[in-house]
Amino acid sequence: MTDSRYRLSYLYSAIGALLLVAAFVLLYPVRHTAGFADELRISIGANLIDLTLAVLVLQPLVLYLSRNAVRRRNRLDYRDVIRRIETADDRVDLWKHWTGLLEGAHEPRFAAAVRDALDRGVRFRIMLTDPSSPDAAERARQVAPTDAVTAIRQNIERLHRFTADLPARHRPAFQVRISAIGPAHAFYRVDDWLSYGVFRDRRVSESSQREVRVHGDLGELALEAFQNRWNGVGLHSIADHYRMRLRLTVNDETSENELQYVVHDGEHWVNVNPAALSHAFHPDHRVTTSDNGSVHWILTTAGAETLDRVTALYAAKYGPGQGPVLLRLTAP
């Protein structure tokens, strides 16, 4: 890179010298023409003014307009996104409820592009929405009859399988987080390219896209929103999204369990079927969580109406037909 800059400097210097020599050769024979000195001073002064305007006004204006240029597209081209990932050399960020990159014919090529990019040292951050969250239900209402909840769940399942198949050396560079808060807009970033789409009723976000530079004003605003959410509270890895670790104690007998769960109105409901079924209904059981072993809980049932709502959320998260036995973590 340094040798290349030096070569360019030499080239520009040579061009400047050639221009000076050419000007001298053209002007020298007419140096005795009447008014030559005045005309020369006027020409040099006008050129200096033009140069000053170009450097101080026109060049910054062109750079600003280029930096903040917006290209509008009627639809996101997934193949173009994958081509960009195939040549990426720094970072790929994605923030969606769900993405078509993990659907249909795009998934195999996307997975291959990600593996090759990880070999080159590219880092990935992908953030999807919890399918059992209120934001997922709201997005499903907006895009009905598209089954958004199923699409989100299937995206997470495919990412779970993909992550499990990655070599251990690549897993730190491929990060996936599940958020209960959905994005304000679709967000695809590959190196210095960024495309975002506004969510609208009855239309998926890919139908209205704006392509900008990451280091432009609009790109920096979109990136800041992504960064704030990525570093915010309440996000889970895929493993933590699927299961929570509980310690159940009955008398002096303790068992460790990783149970599927769902959150409803801020309360955790766990599926005790079949892993913890024997201890969960014992009248003297106690429960502690892995993140705070000093706080004790008990597992309780609820009325039919509440249980129906919780079961529906569980089906949204894990799929229908699971046959869960759901109990609520509550203070004794």
C-alpha atoms as a PDB file:
ATOM      1  CA  MET A   1       0.000   0.000   0.000  1.00  0.00           C
ATOM      2  CA  THR A   2       2.862   2.428   0.861  1.00  0.00           C
ATOM      3  CA  ASP A   3       4.687   1.727  -2.433  1.00  0.00           C
ATOM      4  CA  SER A   4       1.430   2.369  -4.297  1.00  0.00           C
ATOM      5  CA  ARG A   5       1.031   5.791  -2.647  1.00  0.00           C
ATOM      6  CA  TYR A   6       4.617   6.705  -3.522  1.00  0.00           C
ATOM      7  CA  ARG A   7       4.096   5.698  -7.143  1.00  0.00           C
ATOM      8  CA  LEU A   8       0.990   7.896  -7.348  1.00  0.00           C
ATOM      9  CA  SER A   9       2.928  10.840  -5.869  1.00  0.00           C
ATOM     10  CA  TYR A  10       5.661  10.409  -8.462  1.00  0.00           C
ATOM     11  CA  LEU A  11       3.067  10.188 -11.227  1.00  0.00           C
ATOM     12  CA  TYR A  12       1.280  13.379 -10.134  1.00  0.00           C
ATOM     13  CA  SER A  13       4.607  15.206  -9.806  1.00  0.00           C
ATOM     14  CA  ALA A  14       5.613  14.118 -13.302  1.00  0.00           C
ATOM     15  CA  ILE A  15       2.270  15.266 -14.745  1.00  0.00           C
ATOM     16  CA  GLY A  16       2.645  18.645 -13.005  1.00  0.00           C
ATOM     17  CA  ALA A  17       6.156  19.081 -14.349  1.00  0.00           C
ATOM     18  CA  LEU A  18       5.027  18.195 -17.863  1.00  0.00           C
ATOM     19  CA  LEU A  19       2.208  20.763 -17.667  1.00  0.00           C
ATOM     20  CA  LEU A  20       4.624  23.466 -16.532  1.00  0.00           C
ATOM     21  CA  VAL A  21       7.028  22.647 -19.379  1.00  0.00           C
ATOM     22  CA  ALA A  22       4.163  22.638 -21.888  1.00  0.00           C
ATOM     23  CA  ALA A  23       2.937  26.034 -20.632  1.00  0.00           C
ATOM     24  CA  PHE A  24       6.455  27.462 -20.897  1.00  0.00           C
ATOM     25  CA  VAL A  25       6.901  26.099 -24.434  1.00  0.00           C
ATOM     26  CA  LEU A  26       3.578  27.605 -25.566  1.00  0.00           C
ATOM     27  CA  LEU A  27       4.007  30.999 -23.891  1.00  0.00           C
ATOM     28  CA  TYR A  28       7.701  31.674 -24.483  1.00  0.00           C
ATOM     29  CA  PRO A  29       7.448  32.481 -28.231  1.00  0.00           C
ATOM     30  CA  VAL A  30       4.736  35.152 -27.620  1.00  0.00           C
ATOM     31  CA  ARG A  31       6.333  36.802 -24.602  1.00  0.00           C
ATOM     32  CA  HIS A  32       6.921  40.064 -26.551  1.00  0.00           C
ATOM     33  CA  THR A  33       3.267  40.396 -27.631  1.00  0.00           C
ATOM     34  CA  ALA A  34       1.630  43.648 -26.502  1.00  0.00           C
ATOM     35  CA  GLY A  35      -0.215  43.178 -23.179  1.00  0.00           C
ATOM     36  CA  PHE A  36       1.335  39.743 -22.624  1.00  0.00           C
ATOM     37  CA  ALA A  37       2.243  40.367 -18.973  1.00  0.00           C
ATOM     38  CA  ASP A  38      -1.215  41.743 -18.113  1.00  0.00           C
ATOM     39  CA  GLU A  39      -2.983  38.840 -19.831  1.00  0.00           C
ATOM     40  CA  LEU A  40      -0.717  36.364 -18.058  1.00  0.00           C
ATOM     41  CA  ARG A  41      -1.417  37.889 -14.655  1.00  0.00           C
ATOM     42  CA  ILE A  42      -5.198  37.895 -15.339  1.00  0.00           C
ATOM     43  CA  SER A  43      -5.099  34.263 -16.460  1.00  0.00           C
ATOM     44  CA  ILE A  44      -3.033  33.132 -13.459  1.00  0.00           C
ATOM     45  CA  GLY A  45      -5.284  35.083 -11.058  1.00  0.00           C
ATOM     46  CA  ALA A  46      -8.459  33.611 -12.559  1.00  0.00           C
ATOM     47  CA  ASN A  47      -7.023  30.105 -12.368  1.00  0.00           C
ATOM     48  CA  LEU A  48      -6.031  30.627  -8.748  1.00  0.00           C
ATOM     49  CA  ILE A  49      -9.576  31.787  -7.928  1.00  0.00           C
ATOM     50  CA  ASP A  50     -11.014  28.746  -9.729  1.00  0.00           C
ATOM     51  CA  LEU A  51      -8.626  26.474  -7.855  1.00  0.00           C
ATOM     52  CA  THR A  52      -9.564  28.034  -4.509  1.00  0.00           C
ATOM     53  CA  LEU A  53     -13.288  27.643  -5.222  1.00  0.00           C
ATOM     54  CA  ALA A  54     -12.769  24.046  -6.291  1.00  0.00           C
ATOM     55  CA  VAL A  55     -10.741  23.099  -3.194  1.00  0.00           C
ATOM     56  CA  LEU A  56     -12.710  25.028  -0.576  1.00  0.00           C
ATOM     57  CA  VAL A  57     -16.270  24.837  -1.942  1.00  0.00           C
ATOM     58  CA  LEU A  58     -16.881  22.412  -4.787  1.00  0.00           C
ATOM     59  CA  GLN A  59     -14.780  19.472  -3.575  1.00  0.00           C
ATOM     60  CA  PRO A  60     -16.296  19.430  -0.031  1.00  0.00           C
ATOM     61  CA  LEU A  61     -19.773  19.742  -1.557  1.00  0.00           C
ATOM     62  CA  VAL A  62     -19.184  16.830  -3.923  1.00  0.00           C
ATOM     63  CA  LEU A  63     -17.744  14.725  -1.093  1.00  0.00           C
ATOM     64  CA  TYR A  64     -20.734  15.555   1.128  1.00  0.00           C
ATOM     65  CA  LEU A  65     -23.236  14.664  -1.573  1.00  0.00           C
ATOM     66  CA  SER A  66     -21.364  11.441  -2.339  1.00  0.00           C
ATOM     67  CA  ARG A  67     -21.134  10.580   1.362  1.00  0.00           C
ATOM     68  CA  ASN A  68     -24.886  11.003   1.828  1.00  0.00           C
ATOM     69  CA  ALA A  69     -26.089   9.647  -1.499  1.00  0.00           C
ATOM     70  CA  VAL A  70     -29.212   7.469  -1.191  1.00  0.00           C
ATOM     71  CA  ARG A  71     -30.111   4.840  -3.746  1.00  0.00           C
ATOM     72  CA  ARG A  72     -33.711   3.685  -3.556  1.00  0.00           C
ATOM     73  CA  ARG A  73     -34.770   0.201  -4.568  1.00  0.00           C
ATOM     74  CA  ASN A  74     -38.240  -1.249  -4.880  1.00  0.00           C
ATOM     75  CA  ARG A  75     -36.997  -4.579  -3.568  1.00  0.00           C
ATOM     76  CA  LEU A  76     -33.935  -5.953  -1.820  1.00  0.00           C
ATOM     77  CA  ASP A  77     -31.849  -8.167  -4.090  1.00  0.00           C
ATOM     78  CA  TYR A  78     -30.753 -11.092  -1.903  1.00  0.00           C
ATOM     79  CA  ARG A  79     -28.356 -12.290  -4.593  1.00  0.00           C
ATOM     80  CA  ASP A  80     -26.631  -8.901  -4.499  1.00  0.00           C
ATOM     81  CA  VAL A  81     -26.309  -9.115  -0.694  1.00  0.00           C
ATOM     82  CA  ILE A  82     -24.753 -12.575  -0.996  1.00  0.00           C
ATOM     83  CA  ARG A  83     -22.325 -11.348  -3.691  1.00  0.00           C
ATOM     84  CA  ARG A  84     -21.239  -8.586  -1.328  1.00  0.00           C
ATOM     85  CA  ILE A  85     -20.690 -11.115   1.473  1.00  0.00           C
ATOM     86  CA  GLU A  86     -18.603 -13.210  -0.937  1.00  0.00           C
ATOM     87  CA  THR A  87     -16.180 -10.273  -1.301  1.00  0.00           C
ATOM     88  CA  ALA A  88     -16.485  -8.800   2.220  1.00  0.00           C
ATOM     89  CA  ASP A  89     -13.280  -8.265   4.195  1.00  0.00           C
ATOM     90  CA  ASP A  90     -14.413  -6.749   7.513  1.00  0.00           C
ATOM     91  CA  ARG A  91     -17.926  -7.016   8.930  1.00  0.00           C
ATOM     92  CA  VAL A  92     -21.482  -8.126   8.149  1.00  0.00           C
ATOM     93  CA  ASP A  93     -24.412  -6.976  10.327  1.00  0.00           C
ATOM     94  CA  LEU A  94     -28.056  -7.977   9.977  1.00  0.00           C
ATOM     95  CA  TRP A  95     -31.060  -6.854  12.042  1.00  0.00           C
ATOM     96  CA  LYS A  96     -34.469  -8.191  11.048  1.00  0.00           C
ATOM     97  CA  HIS A  97     -37.550  -9.909  12.387  1.00  0.00           C
ATOM     98  CA  TRP A  98     -36.575 -12.602   9.880  1.00  0.00           C
ATOM     99  CA  THR A  99     -34.622 -12.621   6.626  1.00  0.00           C
ATOM    100  CA  GLY A 100     -35.099 -14.215   3.235  1.00  0.00           C
ATOM    101  CA  LEU A 101     -31.383 -15.052   3.200  1.00  0.00           C
ATOM    102  CA  LEU A 102     -32.303 -18.028   5.382  1.00  0.00           C
ATOM    103  CA  GLU A 103     -35.177 -19.165   3.173  1.00  0.00           C
ATOM    104  CA  GLY A 104     -35.601 -21.129  -0.025  1.00  0.00           C
ATOM    105  CA  ALA A 105     -32.962 -21.098  -2.715  1.00  0.00           C
ATOM    106  CA  HIS A 106     -30.919 -18.346  -1.037  1.00  0.00           C
ATOM    107  CA  GLU A 107     -29.984 -20.315   2.095  1.00  0.00           C
ATOM    108  CA  PRO A 108     -27.359 -22.705   0.600  1.00  0.00           C
ATOM    109  CA  ARG A 109     -25.454 -19.944  -1.195  1.00  0.00           C
ATOM    110  CA  PHE A 110     -25.707 -17.646   1.834  1.00  0.00           C
ATOM    111  CA  ALA A 111     -24.324 -20.369   4.109  1.00  0.00           C
ATOM    112  CA  ALA A 112     -21.445 -21.043   1.697  1.00  0.00           C
ATOM    113  CA  ALA A 113     -20.666 -17.312   1.450  1.00  0.00           C
ATOM    114  CA  VAL A 114     -20.631 -17.005   5.255  1.00  0.00           C
ATOM    115  CA  ARG A 115     -18.229 -19.940   5.667  1.00  0.00           C
ATOM    116  CA  ASP A 116     -15.830 -18.511   3.082  1.00  0.00           C
ATOM    117  CA  ALA A 117     -16.050 -15.049   4.684  1.00  0.00           C
ATOM    118  CA  LEU A 118     -15.299 -16.501   8.132  1.00  0.00           C
ATOM    119  CA  ASP A 119     -12.173 -18.082   6.650  1.00  0.00           C
ATOM    120  CA  ARG A 120     -11.108 -14.569   5.563  1.00  0.00           C
ATOM    121  CA  GLY A 121     -11.640 -13.165   9.068  1.00  0.00           C
ATOM    122  CA  VAL A 122     -14.974 -11.415   8.453  1.00  0.00           C
ATOM    123  CA  ARG A 123     -17.099 -10.928  11.592  1.00  0.00           C
ATOM    124  CA  PHE A 124     -20.874 -11.453  11.642  1.00  0.00           C
ATOM    125  CA  ARG A 125     -23.551 -10.039  13.947  1.00  0.00           C
ATOM    126  CA  ILE A 126     -27.117 -11.207  13.349  1.00  0.00           C
ATOM    127  CA  MET A 127     -30.082 -10.100  15.452  1.00  0.00           C
ATOM    128  CA  LEU A 128     -33.555 -11.607  15.024  1.00  0.00           C
ATOM    129  CA  THR A 129     -36.797 -11.251  16.971  1.00  0.00           C
ATOM    130  CA  ASP A 130     -38.131 -13.684  19.556  1.00  0.00           C
ATOM    131  CA  PRO A 131     -41.140 -15.303  17.828  1.00  0.00           C
ATOM    132  CA  SER A 132     -43.042 -15.417  21.147  1.00  0.00           C
ATOM    133  CA  SER A 133     -42.612 -11.670  21.788  1.00  0.00           C
ATOM    134  CA  PRO A 134     -45.344  -9.020  21.375  1.00  0.00           C
ATOM    135  CA  ASP A 135     -43.288  -7.348  18.636  1.00  0.00           C
ATOM    136  CA  ALA A 136     -43.305 -10.559  16.584  1.00  0.00           C
ATOM    137  CA  ALA A 137     -47.081 -10.838  16.993  1.00  0.00           C
ATOM    138  CA  GLU A 138     -47.491  -7.217  15.902  1.00  0.00           C
ATOM    139  CA  ARG A 139     -45.340  -7.743  12.822  1.00  0.00           C
ATOM    140  CA  ALA A 140     -47.365 -10.864  11.981  1.00  0.00           C
ATOM    141  CA  ARG A 141     -50.514  -8.749  12.139  1.00  0.00           C
ATOM    142  CA  GLN A 142     -48.983  -6.129   9.863  1.00  0.00           C
ATOM    143  CA  VAL A 143     -47.940  -8.538   7.105  1.00  0.00           C
ATOM    144  CA  ALA A 144     -50.867 -10.986   7.295  1.00  0.00           C
ATOM    145  CA  PRO A 145     -51.540 -13.402   5.625  1.00  0.00           C
ATOM    146  CA  THR A 146     -47.738 -13.950   5.627  1.00  0.00           C
ATOM    147  CA  ASP A 147     -47.005 -16.203   8.613  1.00  0.00           C
ATOM    148  CA  ALA A 148     -44.287 -14.039  10.150  1.00  0.00           C
ATOM    149  CA  VAL A 149     -44.090 -15.980  13.425  1.00  0.00           C
ATOM    150  CA  THR A 150     -43.333 -19.259  11.628  1.00  0.00           C
ATOM    151  CA  ALA A 151     -40.786 -17.522   9.379  1.00  0.00           C
ATOM    152  CA  ILE A 152     -38.983 -16.089  12.424  1.00  0.00           C
ATOM    153  CA  ARG A 153     -38.962 -19.438  14.221  1.00  0.00           C
ATOM    154  CA  GLN A 154     -37.609 -21.251  11.160  1.00  0.00           C
ATOM    155  CA  ASN A 155     -34.868 -18.602  10.718  1.00  0.00           C
ATOM    156  CA  ILE A 156     -33.681 -19.186  14.279  1.00  0.00           C
ATOM    157  CA  GLU A 157     -33.804 -22.970  13.876  1.00  0.00           C
ATOM    158  CA  ARG A 158     -31.668 -22.771  10.714  1.00  0.00           C
ATOM    159  CA  LEU A 159     -29.166 -20.453  12.381  1.00  0.00           C
ATOM    160  CA  HIS A 160     -29.015 -22.850  15.330  1.00  0.00           C
ATOM    161  CA  ARG A 161     -28.112 -25.748  13.032  1.00  0.00           C
ATOM    162  CA  PHE A 162     -25.649 -23.628  11.070  1.00  0.00           C
ATOM    163  CA  THR A 163     -23.875 -22.422  14.220  1.00  0.00           C
ATOM    164  CA  ALA A 164     -23.662 -25.954  15.608  1.00  0.00           C
ATOM    165  CA  ASP A 165     -21.912 -27.105  12.411  1.00  0.00           C
ATOM    166  CA  LEU A 166     -19.309 -24.324  12.457  1.00  0.00           C
ATOM    167  CA  PRO A 167     -15.739 -25.147  13.467  1.00  0.00           C
ATOM    168  CA  ALA A 168     -14.922 -23.962  16.979  1.00  0.00           C
ATOM    169  CA  ARG A 169     -12.442 -21.370  15.638  1.00  0.00           C
ATOM    170  CA  HIS A 170     -15.211 -19.596  13.702  1.00  0.00           C
ATOM    171  CA  ARG A 171     -17.912 -19.430  16.363  1.00  0.00           C
ATOM    172  CA  PRO A 172     -16.609 -16.300  18.151  1.00  0.00           C
ATOM    173  CA  ALA A 173     -16.789 -14.393  14.846  1.00  0.00           C
ATOM    174  CA  PHE A 174     -20.358 -15.528  14.088  1.00  0.00           C
ATOM    175  CA  GLN A 175     -22.619 -14.040  16.747  1.00  0.00           C
ATOM    176  CA  VAL A 176     -26.397 -14.391  16.824  1.00  0.00           C
ATOM    177  CA  ARG A 177     -28.675 -12.701  19.340  1.00  0.00           C
ATOM    178  CA  ILE A 178     -32.419 -12.982  19.842  1.00  0.00           C
ATOM    179  CA  SER A 179     -34.264  -9.848  20.912  1.00  0.00           C
ATOM    180  CA  ALA A 180     -37.724  -9.444  22.391  1.00  0.00           C
ATOM    181  CA  ILE A 181     -37.740  -5.936  20.887  1.00  0.00           C
ATOM    182  CA  GLY A 182     -38.079  -5.876  17.126  1.00  0.00           C
ATOM    183  CA  PRO A 183     -36.120  -3.537  14.822  1.00  0.00           C
ATOM    184  CA  ALA A 184     -37.389  -0.132  13.774  1.00  0.00           C
ATOM    185  CA  HIS A 185     -36.351  -0.942  10.195  1.00  0.00           C
ATOM    186  CA  ALA A 186     -34.683  -3.706   8.235  1.00  0.00           C
ATOM    187  CA  PHE A 187     -30.891  -3.482   8.433  1.00  0.00           C
ATOM    188  CA  TYR A 188     -28.315  -5.130   6.150  1.00  0.00           C
ATOM    189  CA  ARG A 189     -24.685  -3.989   6.374  1.00  0.00           C
ATOM    190  CA  VAL A 190     -21.685  -5.389   4.477  1.00  0.00           C
ATOM    191  CA  ASP A 191     -18.458  -3.441   5.075  1.00  0.00           C
ATOM    192  CA  ASP A 192     -19.194   0.176   3.985  1.00  0.00           C
ATOM    193  CA  TRP A 193     -22.498  -0.676   2.260  1.00  0.00           C
ATOM    194  CA  LEU A 194     -25.788  -0.502   4.143  1.00  0.00           C
ATOM    195  CA  SER A 195     -29.368  -1.081   3.064  1.00  0.00           C
ATOM    196  CA  TYR A 196     -32.338  -0.384   5.289  1.00  0.00           C
ATOM    197  CA  GLY A 197     -36.067  -0.692   4.719  1.00  0.00           C
ATOM    198  CA  VAL A 198     -39.030   0.882   6.452  1.00  0.00           C
ATOM    199  CA  PHE A 199     -41.677  -1.432   7.932  1.00  0.00           C
ATOM    200  CA  ARG A 200     -45.171  -0.856   6.576  1.00  0.00           C
ATOM    201  CA  ASP A 201     -48.526  -2.502   7.052  1.00  0.00           C
ATOM    202  CA  ARG A 202     -49.253  -5.281   4.560  1.00  0.00           C
ATOM    203  CA  ARG A 203     -45.762  -5.053   3.068  1.00  0.00           C
ATOM    204  CA  VAL A 204     -42.531  -6.740   4.026  1.00  0.00           C
ATOM    205  CA  SER A 205     -39.565  -4.426   4.559  1.00  0.00           C
ATOM    206  CA  GLU A 206     -37.638  -5.787   1.560  1.00  0.00           C
ATOM    207  CA  SER A 207     -40.124  -4.066  -0.767  1.00  0.00           C
ATOM    208  CA  SER A 208     -38.782  -0.573   0.000  1.00  0.00           C
ATOM    209  CA  GLN A 209     -35.023  -0.243   0.465  1.00  0.00           C
ATOM    210  CA  ARG A 210     -32.564   2.647   0.774  1.00  0.00           C
ATOM    211  CA  GLU A 211     -28.895   1.966   0.098  1.00  0.00           C
ATOM    212  CA  VAL A 212     -26.425   4.316   1.780  1.00  0.00           C
ATOM    213  CA  ARG A 213     -22.797   4.394   2.888  1.00  0.00           C
ATOM    214  CA  VAL A 214     -22.139   3.255   6.444  1.00  0.00           C
ATOM    215  CA  HIS A 215     -19.981   6.331   7.062  1.00  0.00           C
ATOM    216  CA  GLY A 216     -22.570   8.780   5.741  1.00  0.00           C
ATOM    217  CA  ASP A 217     -25.012  10.636   7.973  1.00  0.00           C
ATOM    218  CA  LEU A 218     -27.946   8.264   7.364  1.00  0.00           C
ATOM    219  CA  GLY A 219     -25.723   5.207   7.580  1.00  0.00           C
ATOM    220  CA  GLU A 220     -24.241   6.324  10.886  1.00  0.00           C
ATOM    221  CA  LEU A 221     -27.713   6.891  12.351  1.00  0.00           C
ATOM    222  CA  ALA A 222     -28.847   3.407  11.293  1.00  0.00           C
ATOM    223  CA  LEU A 223     -25.621   1.861  12.578  1.00  0.00           C
ATOM    224  CA  GLU A 224     -25.967   3.665  15.911  1.00  0.00           C
ATOM    225  CA  ALA A 225     -29.465   2.241  16.367  1.00  0.00           C
ATOM    226  CA  PHE A 226     -28.116  -1.245  15.667  1.00  0.00           C
ATOM    227  CA  GLN A 227     -25.183  -0.790  18.045  1.00  0.00           C
ATOM    228  CA  ASN A 228     -27.413   0.473  20.849  1.00  0.00           C
ATOM    229  CA  ARG A 229     -29.717  -2.515  20.597  1.00  0.00           C
ATOM    230  CA  TRP A 230     -26.881  -5.012  20.151  1.00  0.00           C
ATOM    231  CA  ASN A 231     -25.299  -3.768  23.378  1.00  0.00           C
ATOM    232  CA  GLY A 232     -28.631  -3.381  25.196  1.00  0.00           C
ATOM    233  CA  VAL A 233     -30.253  -5.576  27.817  1.00  0.00           C
ATOM    234  CA  GLY A 234     -32.604  -8.490  27.332  1.00  0.00           C
ATOM    235  CA  LEU A 235     -30.848 -10.167  24.389  1.00  0.00           C
ATOM    236  CA  HIS A 236     -30.103 -13.884  24.366  1.00  0.00           C
ATOM    237  CA  SER A 237     -27.845 -16.222  22.490  1.00  0.00           C
ATOM    238  CA  ILE A 238     -29.644 -18.992  20.625  1.00  0.00           C
ATOM    239  CA  ALA A 239     -28.822 -21.459  23.428  1.00  0.00           C
ATOM    240  CA  ASP A 240     -30.272 -19.128  26.080  1.00  0.00           C
ATOM    241  CA  HIS A 241     -33.232 -18.384  23.831  1.00  0.00           C
ATOM    242  CA  TYR A 242     -34.179 -22.050  23.724  1.00  0.00           C
ATOM    243  CA  ARG A 243     -33.476 -23.192  27.297  1.00  0.00           C
ATOM    244  CA  MET A 244     -32.951 -21.946  30.839  1.00  0.00           C
ATOM    245  CA  ARG A 245     -31.124 -23.841  33.585  1.00  0.00           C
ATOM    246  CA  LEU A 246     -33.025 -24.569  36.809  1.00  0.00           C
ATOM    247  CA  ARG A 247     -31.980 -26.383  39.956  1.00  0.00           C
ATOM    248  CA  LEU A 248     -34.886 -28.255  41.575  1.00  0.00           C
ATOM    249  CA  THR A 249     -34.523 -29.422  45.175  1.00  0.00           C
ATOM    250  CA  VAL A 250     -36.845 -31.803  46.987  1.00  0.00           C
ATOM    251  CA  ASN A 251     -35.757 -32.450  50.565  1.00  0.00           C
ATOM    252  CA  ASP A 252     -32.018 -33.197  50.124  1.00  0.00           C
ATOM    253  CA  GLU A 253     -32.227 -34.332  46.510  1.00  0.00           C
ATOM    254  CA  THR A 254     -31.253 -31.823  43.827  1.00  0.00           C
ATOM    255  CA  SER A 255     -31.473 -32.105  40.067  1.00  0.00           C
ATOM    256  CA  GLU A 256     -30.119 -29.791  37.351  1.00  0.00           C
ATOM    257  CA  ASN A 257     -32.416 -29.229  34.398  1.00  0.00           C
ATOM    258  CA  GLU A 258     -32.213 -27.245  31.164  1.00  0.00           C
ATOM    259  CA  LEU A 259     -35.833 -26.556  30.331  1.00  0.00           C
ATOM    260  CA  GLN A 260     -37.596 -24.920  27.443  1.00  0.00           C
ATOM    261  CA  TYR A 261     -39.458 -21.794  28.508  1.00  0.00           C
ATOM    262  CA  VAL A 262     -41.507 -18.828  27.400  1.00  0.00           C
ATOM    263  CA  VAL A 263     -42.033 -15.347  28.871  1.00  0.00           C
ATOM    264  CA  HIS A 264     -45.531 -13.952  29.385  1.00  0.00           C
ATOM    265  CA  ASP A 265     -46.185 -10.588  31.078  1.00  0.00           C
ATOM    266  CA  GLY A 266     -42.650 -10.605  32.431  1.00  0.00           C
ATOM    267  CA  GLU A 267     -43.001 -14.042  34.050  1.00  0.00           C
ATOM    268  CA  HIS A 268     -41.143 -17.190  33.030  1.00  0.00           C
ATOM    269  CA  TRP A 269     -43.078 -20.355  32.273  1.00  0.00           C
ATOM    270  CA  VAL A 270     -41.065 -23.556  31.931  1.00  0.00           C
ATOM    271  CA  ASN A 271     -41.942 -26.846  30.301  1.00  0.00           C
ATOM    272  CA  VAL A 272     -41.316 -29.543  32.916  1.00  0.00           C
ATOM    273  CA  ASN A 273     -42.315 -32.380  30.608  1.00  0.00           C
ATOM    274  CA  PRO A 274     -40.561 -34.738  30.904  1.00  0.00           C
ATOM    275  CA  ALA A 275     -37.214 -33.633  32.370  1.00  0.00           C
ATOM    276  CA  ALA A 276     -38.371 -32.195  35.708  1.00  0.00           C
ATOM    277  CA  LEU A 277     -41.838 -33.649  35.973  1.00  0.00           C
ATOM    278  CA  SER A 278     -41.226 -35.758  39.080  1.00  0.00           C
ATOM    279  CA  HIS A 279     -39.816 -32.880  41.156  1.00  0.00           C
ATOM    280  CA  ALA A 280     -41.959 -30.056  39.807  1.00  0.00           C
ATOM    281  CA  PHE A 281     -45.192 -31.251  41.433  1.00  0.00           C
ATOM    282  CA  HIS A 282     -43.743 -32.262  44.773  1.00  0.00           C
ATOM    283  CA  PRO A 283     -45.279 -30.063  47.517  1.00  0.00           C
ATOM    284  CA  ASP A 284     -41.877 -29.338  49.108  1.00  0.00           C
ATOM    285  CA  HIS A 285     -39.896 -28.475  46.002  1.00  0.00           C
ATOM    286  CA  ARG A 286     -37.682 -25.388  45.700  1.00  0.00           C
ATOM    287  CA  VAL A 287     -36.260 -23.829  42.539  1.00  0.00           C
ATOM    288  CA  THR A 288     -33.187 -21.672  41.952  1.00  0.00           C
ATOM    289  CA  THR A 289     -31.935 -20.265  38.664  1.00  0.00           C
ATOM    290  CA  SER A 290     -28.382 -20.402  37.386  1.00  0.00           C
ATOM    291  CA  ASP A 291     -28.000 -16.618  37.304  1.00  0.00           C
ATOM    292  CA  ASN A 292     -29.111 -16.053  40.919  1.00  0.00           C
ATOM    293  CA  GLY A 293     -28.867 -19.085  43.149  1.00  0.00           C
ATOM    294  CA  SER A 294     -29.724 -17.123  46.296  1.00  0.00           C
ATOM    295  CA  VAL A 295     -33.319 -16.442  45.169  1.00  0.00           C
ATOM    296  CA  HIS A 296     -35.778 -19.281  45.617  1.00  0.00           C
ATOM    297  CA  TRP A 297     -38.878 -19.927  43.552  1.00  0.00           C
ATOM    298  CA  ILE A 298     -41.647 -22.459  43.262  1.00  0.00           C
ATOM    299  CA  LEU A 299     -43.475 -23.754  40.208  1.00  0.00           C
ATOM    300  CA  THR A 300     -47.204 -23.141  40.074  1.00  0.00           C
ATOM    301  CA  THR A 301     -50.071 -23.702  37.679  1.00  0.00           C
ATOM    302  CA  ALA A 302     -52.525 -21.093  36.394  1.00  0.00           C
ATOM    303  CA  GLY A 303     -56.077 -20.784  35.217  1.00  0.00           C
ATOM    304  CA  ALA A 304     -57.191 -22.210  31.900  1.00  0.00           C
ATOM    305  CA  GLU A 305     -57.380 -18.828  30.133  1.00  0.00           C
ATOM    306  CA  THR A 306     -53.852 -17.791  31.107  1.00  0.00           C
ATOM    307  CA  LEU A 307     -52.519 -21.254  30.335  1.00  0.00           C
ATOM    308  CA  ASP A 308     -54.047 -21.108  26.845  1.00  0.00           C
ATOM    309  CA  ARG A 309     -52.257 -17.818  26.119  1.00  0.00           C
ATOM    310  CA  VAL A 310     -48.964 -19.150  27.424  1.00  0.00           C
ATOM    311  CA  THR A 311     -49.320 -22.365  25.414  1.00  0.00           C
ATOM    312  CA  ALA A 312     -49.921 -20.295  22.262  1.00  0.00           C
ATOM    313  CA  LEU A 313     -46.713 -18.337  22.925  1.00  0.00           C
ATOM    314  CA  TYR A 314     -44.838 -21.579  23.508  1.00  0.00           C
ATOM    315  CA  ALA A 315     -46.087 -22.939  20.163  1.00  0.00           C
ATOM    316  CA  ALA A 316     -44.929 -19.727  18.454  1.00  0.00           C
ATOM    317  CA  LYS A 317     -41.457 -20.179  19.897  1.00  0.00           C
ATOM    318  CA  TYR A 318     -40.959 -23.949  19.543  1.00  0.00           C
ATOM    319  CA  GLY A 319     -43.585 -24.987  17.015  1.00  0.00           C
ATOM    320  CA  PRO A 320     -47.009 -26.576  17.396  1.00  0.00           C
ATOM    321  CA  GLY A 321     -47.657 -30.059  18.728  1.00  0.00           C
ATOM    322  CA  GLN A 322     -45.034 -30.012  21.469  1.00  0.00           C
ATOM    323  CA  GLY A 323     -47.342 -31.163  24.296  1.00  0.00           C
ATOM    324  CA  PRO A 324     -45.763 -28.993  26.998  1.00  0.00           C
ATOM    325  CA  VAL A 325     -46.519 -29.057  30.709  1.00  0.00           C
ATOM    326  CA  LEU A 326     -46.076 -25.385  31.574  1.00  0.00           C
ATOM    327  CA  LEU A 327     -45.568 -24.105  35.099  1.00  0.00           C
ATOM    328  CA  ARG A 328     -44.861 -20.567  36.248  1.00  0.00           C
ATOM    329  CA  LEU A 329     -41.823 -19.473  38.241  1.00  0.00           C
ATOM    330  CA  THR A 330     -43.223 -17.535  41.176  1.00  0.00           C
ATOM    331  CA  ALA A 331     -42.114 -16.368  44.596  1.00  0.00           C
ATOM    332  CA  PRO A 332     -43.082 -18.789  47.405  1.00  0.00           C
END
